[in-house]
Amino acid sequence: MALSAFAIVWTALGLYAVLAGADFGVGILVLVGRLGRSRAAVERDCLAYFSRVWEVHGLLLVFFLTGLFVAFPPALGLLGDTLVTPVLFAVALFVVRAMAYLLLHGRVAPGPAAPVVIFGLASAGVALLLGYAAAAAASGAITGHHLPASYFTSPVGFAAIPLALAASAHLAAVALCVHTRGPSRDWFRRAAMVCGTVALLAAGGLTVAILQQATYTRGRLLGLHGAPMVAAGCLLLLALLALARRRVRLAALATAAGYLTGFLGGAFAQLPYVVYPELKLSAAASPSSTLSAFLIAAAFGAPALIAAVGVLYSVVLRWDAAVGDGSHP
């Protein structure tokens, strides 16, 4: 039961990382797009996509935190103790980002630079801080309910920086390729190819850094447990090839699957540790009766949540794309 609960909880976090990662990447793309001649179209299409999406993805994070609280409370306590600083700074930037977005919402032409810069920098900051936090759990640096300051300048910490930023921009650019019908679509396609290449290289760098720093995880990744990471890399390569051939829907599917596979592969590579080397799954799990109740609740709640997100993407964003292209008034 503990393993099933672990899979559900970490899948929710993986989906949040993929979907909300695209939200953070929208801010990065708005900031970068401001430098080019197509800035009006890029900004308009980015904000049309972002406006209907960003709030619902928080439900996946709530699902993850609630599941962690119910099924693995010691893990929540450990991660809360060690990662409170980057997470609190990320929450503060969420507020700054939302305020900047209010100033940008509904704009059809470039306006004052300050809100764009604040929105972009806050988005990049959130992606970076949450990337730092996620990599910390895999680094082997957490010991005694403490994350040393040296982690932030370690090879794993440094490798998390380009991966978090490039992956967020990659996810956003691919999503915008699918949901944009205007002249900026090709700009997003080129951005996705560049960011995807950087993210793939950065993911390789992070994997090498973890192999050097976390001895237990190294042994697992160099065996059969490394297969999901290889599969993730292959999916991202497939996505890049699909973008080159302008198969944007295939690229979006392969990109999302690649990041999710890599995220979950990394989590399962640490088992039986939830947080290596500090906490094992058996020590983190709640009693069997609690796990049973969680699994029953998740059997009903998880499909409903996934269906709601699916409706959002297939219906609401299709309307926004048509509005952005002028097909609807």
C-alpha atoms as a PDB file:
ATOM      1  CA  MET A   1       0.000   0.000   0.000  1.00  0.00           C
ATOM      2  CA  ALA A   2       2.826   2.390   0.825  1.00  0.00           C
ATOM      3  CA  LEU A   3       4.315   1.954  -2.636  1.00  0.00           C
ATOM      4  CA  SER A   4       0.949   2.625  -4.307  1.00  0.00           C
ATOM      5  CA  ALA A   5       0.448   5.746  -2.220  1.00  0.00           C
ATOM      6  CA  PHE A   6       3.990   6.864  -3.053  1.00  0.00           C
ATOM      7  CA  ALA A   7       3.275   6.464  -6.776  1.00  0.00           C
ATOM      8  CA  ILE A   8       0.050   8.482  -6.567  1.00  0.00           C
ATOM      9  CA  VAL A   9       1.552  11.297  -4.513  1.00  0.00           C
ATOM     10  CA  TRP A  10       4.652  11.680  -6.639  1.00  0.00           C
ATOM     11  CA  THR A  11       2.664  11.460  -9.869  1.00  0.00           C
ATOM     12  CA  ALA A  12       0.610  14.426  -8.671  1.00  0.00           C
ATOM     13  CA  LEU A  13       3.809  16.346  -7.985  1.00  0.00           C
ATOM     14  CA  GLY A  14       5.201  15.339 -11.382  1.00  0.00           C
ATOM     15  CA  LEU A  15       2.067  16.589 -13.144  1.00  0.00           C
ATOM     16  CA  TYR A  16       2.324  19.847 -11.220  1.00  0.00           C
ATOM     17  CA  ALA A  17       5.975  20.198 -12.236  1.00  0.00           C
ATOM     18  CA  VAL A  18       5.078  19.700 -15.908  1.00  0.00           C
ATOM     19  CA  LEU A  19       1.935  21.848 -16.073  1.00  0.00           C
ATOM     20  CA  ALA A  20       2.947  24.604 -13.656  1.00  0.00           C
ATOM     21  CA  GLY A  21       6.444  24.539 -15.132  1.00  0.00           C
ATOM     22  CA  ALA A  22       4.866  25.716 -18.373  1.00  0.00           C
ATOM     23  CA  ASP A  23       3.198  28.549 -16.424  1.00  0.00           C
ATOM     24  CA  PHE A  24       6.546  29.735 -15.098  1.00  0.00           C
ATOM     25  CA  GLY A  25       8.004  29.415 -18.583  1.00  0.00           C
ATOM     26  CA  VAL A  26       5.349  31.765 -19.968  1.00  0.00           C
ATOM     27  CA  GLY A  27       6.856  34.555 -17.876  1.00  0.00           C
ATOM     28  CA  ILE A  28      10.330  33.739 -19.175  1.00  0.00           C
ATOM     29  CA  LEU A  29       9.087  33.778 -22.770  1.00  0.00           C
ATOM     30  CA  VAL A  30       7.279  37.089 -22.277  1.00  0.00           C
ATOM     31  CA  LEU A  31      10.506  38.580 -20.966  1.00  0.00           C
ATOM     32  CA  VAL A  32      12.622  37.170 -23.814  1.00  0.00           C
ATOM     33  CA  GLY A  33      10.000  38.002 -26.434  1.00  0.00           C
ATOM     34  CA  ARG A  34      10.113  41.613 -25.309  1.00  0.00           C
ATOM     35  CA  LEU A  35      13.552  41.856 -26.941  1.00  0.00           C
ATOM     36  CA  GLY A  36      12.345  40.936 -30.434  1.00  0.00           C
ATOM     37  CA  ARG A  37      10.331  42.627 -33.162  1.00  0.00           C
ATOM     38  CA  SER A  38       7.369  40.269 -32.623  1.00  0.00           C
ATOM     39  CA  ARG A  39       6.981  41.277 -28.990  1.00  0.00           C
ATOM     40  CA  ALA A  40       3.341  42.399 -29.302  1.00  0.00           C
ATOM     41  CA  ALA A  41       2.166  39.062 -30.728  1.00  0.00           C
ATOM     42  CA  VAL A  42       4.341  37.018 -28.366  1.00  0.00           C
ATOM     43  CA  GLU A  43       3.123  38.892 -25.303  1.00  0.00           C
ATOM     44  CA  ARG A  44      -0.537  38.710 -26.366  1.00  0.00           C
ATOM     45  CA  ASP A  45      -0.440  34.969 -27.067  1.00  0.00           C
ATOM     46  CA  CYS A  46       1.527  34.177 -23.907  1.00  0.00           C
ATOM     47  CA  LEU A  47      -0.933  36.021 -21.687  1.00  0.00           C
ATOM     48  CA  ALA A  48      -3.970  34.554 -23.475  1.00  0.00           C
ATOM     49  CA  TYR A  49      -2.637  31.071 -22.667  1.00  0.00           C
ATOM     50  CA  PHE A  50      -1.613  31.917 -19.110  1.00  0.00           C
ATOM     51  CA  SER A  51      -4.837  33.680 -18.135  1.00  0.00           C
ATOM     52  CA  ARG A  52      -7.037  30.575 -17.999  1.00  0.00           C
ATOM     53  CA  VAL A  53      -4.492  27.998 -16.885  1.00  0.00           C
ATOM     54  CA  TRP A  54      -2.329  29.045 -14.008  1.00  0.00           C
ATOM     55  CA  GLU A  55      -4.815  28.837 -11.120  1.00  0.00           C
ATOM     56  CA  VAL A  56      -6.045  25.282 -11.695  1.00  0.00           C
ATOM     57  CA  HIS A  57      -2.570  23.764 -11.582  1.00  0.00           C
ATOM     58  CA  GLY A  58      -2.314  24.642  -7.908  1.00  0.00           C
ATOM     59  CA  LEU A  59      -4.889  21.921  -7.251  1.00  0.00           C
ATOM     60  CA  LEU A  60      -2.263  19.321  -8.176  1.00  0.00           C
ATOM     61  CA  LEU A  61       0.107  20.824  -5.620  1.00  0.00           C
ATOM     62  CA  VAL A  62      -2.661  20.778  -3.008  1.00  0.00           C
ATOM     63  CA  PHE A  63      -3.332  17.129  -3.883  1.00  0.00           C
ATOM     64  CA  PHE A  64       0.374  16.332  -3.432  1.00  0.00           C
ATOM     65  CA  LEU A  65       0.706  18.153  -0.109  1.00  0.00           C
ATOM     66  CA  THR A  66      -2.511  16.650   1.239  1.00  0.00           C
ATOM     67  CA  GLY A  67      -1.410  13.174   0.170  1.00  0.00           C
ATOM     68  CA  LEU A  68       1.989  13.689   1.766  1.00  0.00           C
ATOM     69  CA  PHE A  69       0.352  14.881   4.989  1.00  0.00           C
ATOM     70  CA  VAL A  70      -1.973  11.879   5.125  1.00  0.00           C
ATOM     71  CA  ALA A  71       0.206   9.078   3.758  1.00  0.00           C
ATOM     72  CA  PHE A  72       3.762  10.188   4.600  1.00  0.00           C
ATOM     73  CA  PRO A  73       3.695  12.804   7.391  1.00  0.00           C
ATOM     74  CA  PRO A  74       7.356  12.309   8.430  1.00  0.00           C
ATOM     75  CA  ALA A  75       8.384  13.088   4.842  1.00  0.00           C
ATOM     76  CA  LEU A  76       6.336  16.288   4.888  1.00  0.00           C
ATOM     77  CA  GLY A  77       7.981  17.282   8.161  1.00  0.00           C
ATOM     78  CA  LEU A  78      11.473  16.542   6.862  1.00  0.00           C
ATOM     79  CA  LEU A  79      10.993  18.381   3.583  1.00  0.00           C
ATOM     80  CA  GLY A  80       9.316  21.269   5.392  1.00  0.00           C
ATOM     81  CA  ASP A  81      12.232  21.619   7.798  1.00  0.00           C
ATOM     82  CA  THR A  82      14.928  21.486   5.149  1.00  0.00           C
ATOM     83  CA  LEU A  83      13.328  23.290   2.212  1.00  0.00           C
ATOM     84  CA  VAL A  84      11.386  26.014   4.015  1.00  0.00           C
ATOM     85  CA  THR A  85      13.703  28.840   2.870  1.00  0.00           C
ATOM     86  CA  PRO A  86      13.544  28.330  -0.927  1.00  0.00           C
ATOM     87  CA  VAL A  87       9.846  27.436  -0.771  1.00  0.00           C
ATOM     88  CA  LEU A  88       8.929  30.561   1.245  1.00  0.00           C
ATOM     89  CA  PHE A  89      10.845  32.760  -1.189  1.00  0.00           C
ATOM     90  CA  ALA A  90       9.014  31.016  -4.049  1.00  0.00           C
ATOM     91  CA  VAL A  91       5.651  31.726  -2.383  1.00  0.00           C
ATOM     92  CA  ALA A  92       6.605  35.398  -2.031  1.00  0.00           C
ATOM     93  CA  LEU A  93       7.485  35.520  -5.722  1.00  0.00           C
ATOM     94  CA  PHE A  94       4.123  33.909  -6.537  1.00  0.00           C
ATOM     95  CA  VAL A  95       2.466  36.982  -5.022  1.00  0.00           C
ATOM     96  CA  VAL A  96       4.756  39.402  -6.887  1.00  0.00           C
ATOM     97  CA  ARG A  97       4.124  37.498 -10.123  1.00  0.00           C
ATOM     98  CA  ALA A  98       0.350  37.643  -9.663  1.00  0.00           C
ATOM     99  CA  MET A  99       0.458  41.399  -9.033  1.00  0.00           C
ATOM    100  CA  ALA A 100       2.510  41.955 -12.179  1.00  0.00           C
ATOM    101  CA  TYR A 101       0.128  39.777 -14.168  1.00  0.00           C
ATOM    102  CA  LEU A 102      -2.831  41.912 -13.105  1.00  0.00           C
ATOM    103  CA  LEU A 103      -1.123  44.870 -14.765  1.00  0.00           C
ATOM    104  CA  LEU A 104      -0.538  42.861 -17.951  1.00  0.00           C
ATOM    105  CA  HIS A 105      -3.868  41.049 -18.275  1.00  0.00           C
ATOM    106  CA  GLY A 106      -5.877  41.894 -21.364  1.00  0.00           C
ATOM    107  CA  ARG A 107      -3.117  43.895 -23.020  1.00  0.00           C
ATOM    108  CA  VAL A 108      -3.023  43.593 -26.808  1.00  0.00           C
ATOM    109  CA  ALA A 109       0.124  45.672 -27.368  1.00  0.00           C
ATOM    110  CA  PRO A 110       3.351  46.133 -25.427  1.00  0.00           C
ATOM    111  CA  GLY A 111       2.920  48.516 -22.532  1.00  0.00           C
ATOM    112  CA  PRO A 112       5.279  49.747 -19.821  1.00  0.00           C
ATOM    113  CA  ALA A 113       8.352  47.563 -19.455  1.00  0.00           C
ATOM    114  CA  ALA A 114       8.255  47.329 -15.632  1.00  0.00           C
ATOM    115  CA  PRO A 115       5.302  44.884 -15.287  1.00  0.00           C
ATOM    116  CA  VAL A 116       6.738  42.661 -18.036  1.00  0.00           C
ATOM    117  CA  VAL A 117      10.152  42.570 -16.396  1.00  0.00           C
ATOM    118  CA  ILE A 118       8.692  41.888 -12.950  1.00  0.00           C
ATOM    119  CA  PHE A 119       6.403  39.152 -14.277  1.00  0.00           C
ATOM    120  CA  GLY A 120       9.272  37.506 -16.167  1.00  0.00           C
ATOM    121  CA  LEU A 121      11.825  37.731 -13.369  1.00  0.00           C
ATOM    122  CA  ALA A 122       9.338  36.508 -10.746  1.00  0.00           C
ATOM    123  CA  SER A 123       8.371  33.570 -12.975  1.00  0.00           C
ATOM    124  CA  ALA A 124      12.029  32.666 -13.499  1.00  0.00           C
ATOM    125  CA  GLY A 125      12.662  33.027  -9.776  1.00  0.00           C
ATOM    126  CA  VAL A 126       9.837  30.653  -8.844  1.00  0.00           C
ATOM    127  CA  ALA A 127      11.051  28.062 -11.362  1.00  0.00           C
ATOM    128  CA  LEU A 128      14.601  28.370 -10.084  1.00  0.00           C
ATOM    129  CA  LEU A 129      13.706  28.091  -6.387  1.00  0.00           C
ATOM    130  CA  LEU A 130      11.385  25.119  -6.858  1.00  0.00           C
ATOM    131  CA  GLY A 131      14.024  23.475  -9.076  1.00  0.00           C
ATOM    132  CA  TYR A 132      16.567  23.959  -6.302  1.00  0.00           C
ATOM    133  CA  ALA A 133      14.156  22.390  -3.807  1.00  0.00           C
ATOM    134  CA  ALA A 134      13.368  19.391  -6.018  1.00  0.00           C
ATOM    135  CA  ALA A 135      17.030  18.698  -6.747  1.00  0.00           C
ATOM    136  CA  ALA A 136      17.877  18.940  -3.033  1.00  0.00           C
ATOM    137  CA  ALA A 137      15.688  15.931  -2.271  1.00  0.00           C
ATOM    138  CA  ALA A 138      17.676  13.888  -4.795  1.00  0.00           C
ATOM    139  CA  SER A 139      21.121  15.225  -3.945  1.00  0.00           C
ATOM    140  CA  GLY A 140      21.848  13.233  -0.805  1.00  0.00           C
ATOM    141  CA  ALA A 141      22.730  16.513   0.929  1.00  0.00           C
ATOM    142  CA  ILE A 142      19.807  16.464   3.388  1.00  0.00           C
ATOM    143  CA  THR A 143      21.045  14.991   6.667  1.00  0.00           C
ATOM    144  CA  GLY A 144      19.787  15.454  10.198  1.00  0.00           C
ATOM    145  CA  HIS A 145      16.799  17.551   9.074  1.00  0.00           C
ATOM    146  CA  HIS A 146      19.256  20.068   7.661  1.00  0.00           C
ATOM    147  CA  LEU A 147      20.180  21.251   4.187  1.00  0.00           C
ATOM    148  CA  PRO A 148      23.668  22.779   4.318  1.00  0.00           C
ATOM    149  CA  ALA A 149      24.286  26.078   2.568  1.00  0.00           C
ATOM    150  CA  SER A 150      27.008  24.351   0.570  1.00  0.00           C
ATOM    151  CA  TYR A 151      24.279  22.522  -1.376  1.00  0.00           C
ATOM    152  CA  PHE A 152      23.431  25.707  -3.296  1.00  0.00           C
ATOM    153  CA  THR A 153      26.962  25.864  -4.718  1.00  0.00           C
ATOM    154  CA  SER A 154      27.346  22.094  -5.167  1.00  0.00           C
ATOM    155  CA  PRO A 155      27.381  20.458  -8.623  1.00  0.00           C
ATOM    156  CA  VAL A 156      23.762  19.328  -8.121  1.00  0.00           C
ATOM    157  CA  GLY A 157      22.662  22.814  -7.074  1.00  0.00           C
ATOM    158  CA  PHE A 158      24.418  24.466 -10.004  1.00  0.00           C
ATOM    159  CA  ALA A 159      23.007  21.909 -12.461  1.00  0.00           C
ATOM    160  CA  ALA A 160      19.475  22.604 -11.222  1.00  0.00           C
ATOM    161  CA  ILE A 161      19.664  26.228 -12.404  1.00  0.00           C
ATOM    162  CA  PRO A 162      19.796  25.793 -16.210  1.00  0.00           C
ATOM    163  CA  LEU A 163      17.511  22.752 -16.054  1.00  0.00           C
ATOM    164  CA  ALA A 164      14.757  24.569 -14.141  1.00  0.00           C
ATOM    165  CA  LEU A 165      14.840  27.631 -16.382  1.00  0.00           C
ATOM    166  CA  ALA A 166      15.240  25.843 -19.719  1.00  0.00           C
ATOM    167  CA  ALA A 167      12.668  23.138 -18.918  1.00  0.00           C
ATOM    168  CA  SER A 168      10.069  25.733 -17.888  1.00  0.00           C
ATOM    169  CA  ALA A 169      10.613  27.767 -21.046  1.00  0.00           C
ATOM    170  CA  HIS A 170      10.577  24.566 -23.126  1.00  0.00           C
ATOM    171  CA  LEU A 171       7.265  23.393 -21.677  1.00  0.00           C
ATOM    172  CA  ALA A 172       5.697  26.820 -22.172  1.00  0.00           C
ATOM    173  CA  ALA A 173       6.924  27.186 -25.748  1.00  0.00           C
ATOM    174  CA  VAL A 174       5.628  23.740 -26.734  1.00  0.00           C
ATOM    175  CA  ALA A 175       2.238  24.423 -25.148  1.00  0.00           C
ATOM    176  CA  LEU A 176       2.007  27.748 -26.975  1.00  0.00           C
ATOM    177  CA  CYS A 177       2.898  26.043 -30.259  1.00  0.00           C
ATOM    178  CA  VAL A 178      -0.236  23.952 -29.843  1.00  0.00           C
ATOM    179  CA  HIS A 179      -2.613  26.642 -28.602  1.00  0.00           C
ATOM    180  CA  THR A 180      -1.490  29.602 -30.731  1.00  0.00           C
ATOM    181  CA  ARG A 181      -2.784  30.174 -34.251  1.00  0.00           C
ATOM    182  CA  GLY A 182      -1.266  33.589 -34.860  1.00  0.00           C
ATOM    183  CA  PRO A 183       1.970  34.744 -36.500  1.00  0.00           C
ATOM    184  CA  SER A 184       3.972  34.113 -33.315  1.00  0.00           C
ATOM    185  CA  ARG A 185       3.506  30.351 -33.567  1.00  0.00           C
ATOM    186  CA  ASP A 186       6.761  29.816 -35.427  1.00  0.00           C
ATOM    187  CA  TRP A 187       8.583  31.965 -32.859  1.00  0.00           C
ATOM    188  CA  PHE A 188       7.369  29.616 -30.133  1.00  0.00           C
ATOM    189  CA  ARG A 189       8.423  26.597 -32.180  1.00  0.00           C
ATOM    190  CA  ARG A 190      11.972  27.891 -32.540  1.00  0.00           C
ATOM    191  CA  ALA A 191      12.083  28.824 -28.866  1.00  0.00           C
ATOM    192  CA  ALA A 192      10.933  25.304 -27.940  1.00  0.00           C
ATOM    193  CA  MET A 193      13.707  23.746 -30.004  1.00  0.00           C
ATOM    194  CA  VAL A 194      16.405  25.919 -28.425  1.00  0.00           C
ATOM    195  CA  CYS A 195      15.115  25.551 -24.855  1.00  0.00           C
ATOM    196  CA  GLY A 196      14.506  21.817 -25.294  1.00  0.00           C
ATOM    197  CA  THR A 197      18.083  21.271 -26.421  1.00  0.00           C
ATOM    198  CA  VAL A 198      19.427  23.238 -23.448  1.00  0.00           C
ATOM    199  CA  ALA A 199      17.114  21.386 -21.044  1.00  0.00           C
ATOM    200  CA  LEU A 200      18.185  17.993 -22.393  1.00  0.00           C
ATOM    201  CA  LEU A 201      21.855  18.855 -21.928  1.00  0.00           C
ATOM    202  CA  ALA A 202      21.165  20.298 -18.465  1.00  0.00           C
ATOM    203  CA  ALA A 203      19.265  17.144 -17.453  1.00  0.00           C
ATOM    204  CA  GLY A 204      22.307  15.113 -18.427  1.00  0.00           C
ATOM    205  CA  GLY A 205      24.476  17.419 -16.335  1.00  0.00           C
ATOM    206  CA  LEU A 206      22.185  17.066 -13.320  1.00  0.00           C
ATOM    207  CA  THR A 207      22.191  13.273 -13.662  1.00  0.00           C
ATOM    208  CA  VAL A 208      25.998  13.213 -13.749  1.00  0.00           C
ATOM    209  CA  ALA A 209      26.132  15.488 -10.689  1.00  0.00           C
ATOM    210  CA  ILE A 210      23.770  13.194  -8.766  1.00  0.00           C
ATOM    211  CA  LEU A 211      25.811  10.141  -9.790  1.00  0.00           C
ATOM    212  CA  GLN A 212      28.863  11.797  -8.261  1.00  0.00           C
ATOM    213  CA  GLN A 213      27.184  13.080  -5.109  1.00  0.00           C
ATOM    214  CA  ALA A 214      24.616  10.418  -4.106  1.00  0.00           C
ATOM    215  CA  THR A 215      26.366   7.037  -3.929  1.00  0.00           C
ATOM    216  CA  TYR A 216      23.255   4.934  -3.318  1.00  0.00           C
ATOM    217  CA  THR A 217      21.348   6.567  -6.180  1.00  0.00           C
ATOM    218  CA  ARG A 218      24.358   6.099  -8.465  1.00  0.00           C
ATOM    219  CA  GLY A 219      24.198   2.340  -8.038  1.00  0.00           C
ATOM    220  CA  ARG A 220      20.497   2.322  -8.827  1.00  0.00           C
ATOM    221  CA  LEU A 221      20.704   4.617 -11.853  1.00  0.00           C
ATOM    222  CA  LEU A 222      23.544   2.631 -13.388  1.00  0.00           C
ATOM    223  CA  GLY A 223      21.328  -0.483 -13.282  1.00  0.00           C
ATOM    224  CA  LEU A 224      17.800  -1.188 -14.481  1.00  0.00           C
ATOM    225  CA  HIS A 225      16.425   1.730 -12.483  1.00  0.00           C
ATOM    226  CA  GLY A 226      18.162   4.046 -14.918  1.00  0.00           C
ATOM    227  CA  ALA A 227      15.922   2.867 -17.781  1.00  0.00           C
ATOM    228  CA  PRO A 228      13.206   5.501 -17.137  1.00  0.00           C
ATOM    229  CA  MET A 229      15.837   8.240 -17.336  1.00  0.00           C
ATOM    230  CA  VAL A 230      17.031   6.908 -20.689  1.00  0.00           C
ATOM    231  CA  ALA A 231      13.414   6.695 -21.866  1.00  0.00           C
ATOM    232  CA  ALA A 232      12.856  10.291 -20.758  1.00  0.00           C
ATOM    233  CA  GLY A 233      15.821  11.444 -22.812  1.00  0.00           C
ATOM    234  CA  CYS A 234      14.570   9.548 -25.853  1.00  0.00           C
ATOM    235  CA  LEU A 235      11.123  11.134 -25.519  1.00  0.00           C
ATOM    236  CA  LEU A 236      12.622  14.617 -25.377  1.00  0.00           C
ATOM    237  CA  LEU A 237      14.708  13.861 -28.459  1.00  0.00           C
ATOM    238  CA  LEU A 238      11.561  12.661 -30.213  1.00  0.00           C
ATOM    239  CA  ALA A 239       9.865  15.922 -29.249  1.00  0.00           C
ATOM    240  CA  LEU A 240      12.692  17.958 -30.770  1.00  0.00           C
ATOM    241  CA  LEU A 241      12.490  15.974 -34.006  1.00  0.00           C
ATOM    242  CA  ALA A 242       8.719  16.448 -34.086  1.00  0.00           C
ATOM    243  CA  LEU A 243       9.174  20.207 -33.677  1.00  0.00           C
ATOM    244  CA  ALA A 244      11.650  20.242 -36.547  1.00  0.00           C
ATOM    245  CA  ARG A 245       8.973  18.576 -38.716  1.00  0.00           C
ATOM    246  CA  ARG A 246       6.274  20.920 -37.339  1.00  0.00           C
ATOM    247  CA  ARG A 247       4.393  18.064 -35.659  1.00  0.00           C
ATOM    248  CA  VAL A 248       3.547  20.254 -32.682  1.00  0.00           C
ATOM    249  CA  ARG A 249       0.932  18.022 -31.024  1.00  0.00           C
ATOM    250  CA  LEU A 250       3.269  15.027 -31.096  1.00  0.00           C
ATOM    251  CA  ALA A 251       5.997  17.296 -29.719  1.00  0.00           C
ATOM    252  CA  ALA A 252       3.749  18.425 -26.852  1.00  0.00           C
ATOM    253  CA  LEU A 253       2.805  14.852 -25.956  1.00  0.00           C
ATOM    254  CA  ALA A 254       6.403  13.609 -26.088  1.00  0.00           C
ATOM    255  CA  THR A 255       7.684  16.610 -24.121  1.00  0.00           C
ATOM    256  CA  ALA A 256       5.187  16.206 -21.293  1.00  0.00           C
ATOM    257  CA  ALA A 257       5.733  12.435 -21.183  1.00  0.00           C
ATOM    258  CA  GLY A 258       9.504  12.899 -21.197  1.00  0.00           C
ATOM    259  CA  TYR A 259       9.609  15.266 -18.251  1.00  0.00           C
ATOM    260  CA  LEU A 260       7.065  13.245 -16.271  1.00  0.00           C
ATOM    261  CA  THR A 261       8.955   9.997 -16.927  1.00  0.00           C
ATOM    262  CA  GLY A 262      12.239  11.561 -15.867  1.00  0.00           C
ATOM    263  CA  PHE A 263      10.708  13.046 -12.716  1.00  0.00           C
ATOM    264  CA  LEU A 264       9.085   9.788 -11.614  1.00  0.00           C
ATOM    265  CA  GLY A 265      12.120   7.743 -12.653  1.00  0.00           C
ATOM    266  CA  GLY A 266      14.280   9.864 -10.377  1.00  0.00           C
ATOM    267  CA  ALA A 267      11.866   9.479  -7.467  1.00  0.00           C
ATOM    268  CA  PHE A 268      11.648   5.681  -7.794  1.00  0.00           C
ATOM    269  CA  ALA A 269      15.414   5.382  -8.252  1.00  0.00           C
ATOM    270  CA  GLN A 270      15.815   6.454  -4.613  1.00  0.00           C
ATOM    271  CA  LEU A 271      13.556   3.766  -3.146  1.00  0.00           C
ATOM    272  CA  PRO A 272      13.400   2.465  -0.452  1.00  0.00           C
ATOM    273  CA  TYR A 273      14.439   6.009   0.506  1.00  0.00           C
ATOM    274  CA  VAL A 274      11.919   8.813   0.230  1.00  0.00           C
ATOM    275  CA  VAL A 275      14.710  11.283   0.949  1.00  0.00           C
ATOM    276  CA  TYR A 276      18.172   9.757   0.690  1.00  0.00           C
ATOM    277  CA  PRO A 277      19.905   9.139   3.085  1.00  0.00           C
ATOM    278  CA  GLU A 278      17.613  10.519   5.778  1.00  0.00           C
ATOM    279  CA  LEU A 279      14.220   8.784   5.482  1.00  0.00           C
ATOM    280  CA  LYS A 280      13.041   5.410   4.171  1.00  0.00           C
ATOM    281  CA  LEU A 281       9.572   4.653   2.815  1.00  0.00           C
ATOM    282  CA  SER A 282       8.760   2.248   5.649  1.00  0.00           C
ATOM    283  CA  ALA A 283       9.563   4.885   8.273  1.00  0.00           C
ATOM    284  CA  ALA A 284       7.661   7.618   6.451  1.00  0.00           C
ATOM    285  CA  ALA A 285       4.420   5.716   5.753  1.00  0.00           C
ATOM    286  CA  SER A 286       1.277   6.096   7.835  1.00  0.00           C
ATOM    287  CA  PRO A 287      -0.492   3.056   9.378  1.00  0.00           C
ATOM    288  CA  SER A 288      -2.198   0.664   6.976  1.00  0.00           C
ATOM    289  CA  SER A 289      -5.690   1.900   7.867  1.00  0.00           C
ATOM    290  CA  THR A 290      -4.728   5.472   6.949  1.00  0.00           C
ATOM    291  CA  LEU A 291      -3.078   4.378   3.710  1.00  0.00           C
ATOM    292  CA  SER A 292      -6.194   2.397   2.788  1.00  0.00           C
ATOM    293  CA  ALA A 293      -8.397   5.439   3.345  1.00  0.00           C
ATOM    294  CA  PHE A 294      -6.061   7.588   1.256  1.00  0.00           C
ATOM    295  CA  LEU A 295      -6.018   5.096  -1.625  1.00  0.00           C
ATOM    296  CA  ILE A 296      -9.825   4.886  -1.636  1.00  0.00           C
ATOM    297  CA  ALA A 297     -10.154   8.674  -1.657  1.00  0.00           C
ATOM    298  CA  ALA A 298      -7.511   8.999  -4.386  1.00  0.00           C
ATOM    299  CA  ALA A 299      -9.313   6.416  -6.527  1.00  0.00           C
ATOM    300  CA  PHE A 300     -12.223   8.869  -6.792  1.00  0.00           C
ATOM    301  CA  GLY A 301     -10.474  12.224  -6.496  1.00  0.00           C
ATOM    302  CA  ALA A 302      -7.496  11.753  -8.801  1.00  0.00           C
ATOM    303  CA  PRO A 303      -9.500  10.836 -11.956  1.00  0.00           C
ATOM    304  CA  ALA A 304     -11.876  13.750 -11.345  1.00  0.00           C
ATOM    305  CA  LEU A 305      -8.975  16.182 -11.017  1.00  0.00           C
ATOM    306  CA  ILE A 306      -7.234  14.880 -14.134  1.00  0.00           C
ATOM    307  CA  ALA A 307     -10.514  15.038 -16.089  1.00  0.00           C
ATOM    308  CA  ALA A 308     -11.038  18.666 -15.011  1.00  0.00           C
ATOM    309  CA  VAL A 309      -7.551  19.638 -16.194  1.00  0.00           C
ATOM    310  CA  GLY A 310      -8.164  17.762 -19.450  1.00  0.00           C
ATOM    311  CA  VAL A 311     -11.373  19.713 -20.085  1.00  0.00           C
ATOM    312  CA  LEU A 312      -9.546  22.966 -19.403  1.00  0.00           C
ATOM    313  CA  TYR A 313      -6.901  22.200 -21.979  1.00  0.00           C
ATOM    314  CA  SER A 314      -9.191  20.775 -24.652  1.00  0.00           C
ATOM    315  CA  VAL A 315     -12.046  23.298 -24.444  1.00  0.00           C
ATOM    316  CA  VAL A 316     -11.119  26.565 -22.753  1.00  0.00           C
ATOM    317  CA  LEU A 317      -7.690  26.956 -24.322  1.00  0.00           C
ATOM    318  CA  ARG A 318      -9.081  26.127 -27.750  1.00  0.00           C
ATOM    319  CA  TRP A 319     -11.464  29.067 -27.355  1.00  0.00           C
ATOM    320  CA  ASP A 320      -8.620  31.352 -26.189  1.00  0.00           C
ATOM    321  CA  ALA A 321      -6.532  30.347 -29.221  1.00  0.00           C
ATOM    322  CA  ALA A 322      -9.435  31.226 -31.500  1.00  0.00           C
ATOM    323  CA  VAL A 323      -9.904  34.577 -29.763  1.00  0.00           C
ATOM    324  CA  GLY A 324      -6.194  35.339 -30.128  1.00  0.00           C
ATOM    325  CA  ASP A 325      -6.391  34.524 -33.838  1.00  0.00           C
ATOM    326  CA  GLY A 326      -9.541  36.567 -34.382  1.00  0.00           C
ATOM    327  CA  SER A 327     -11.782  33.606 -35.172  1.00  0.00           C
ATOM    328  CA  HIS A 328     -14.170  34.621 -32.376  1.00  0.00           C
ATOM    329  CA  PRO A 329     -15.216  38.098 -31.359  1.00  0.00           C
END
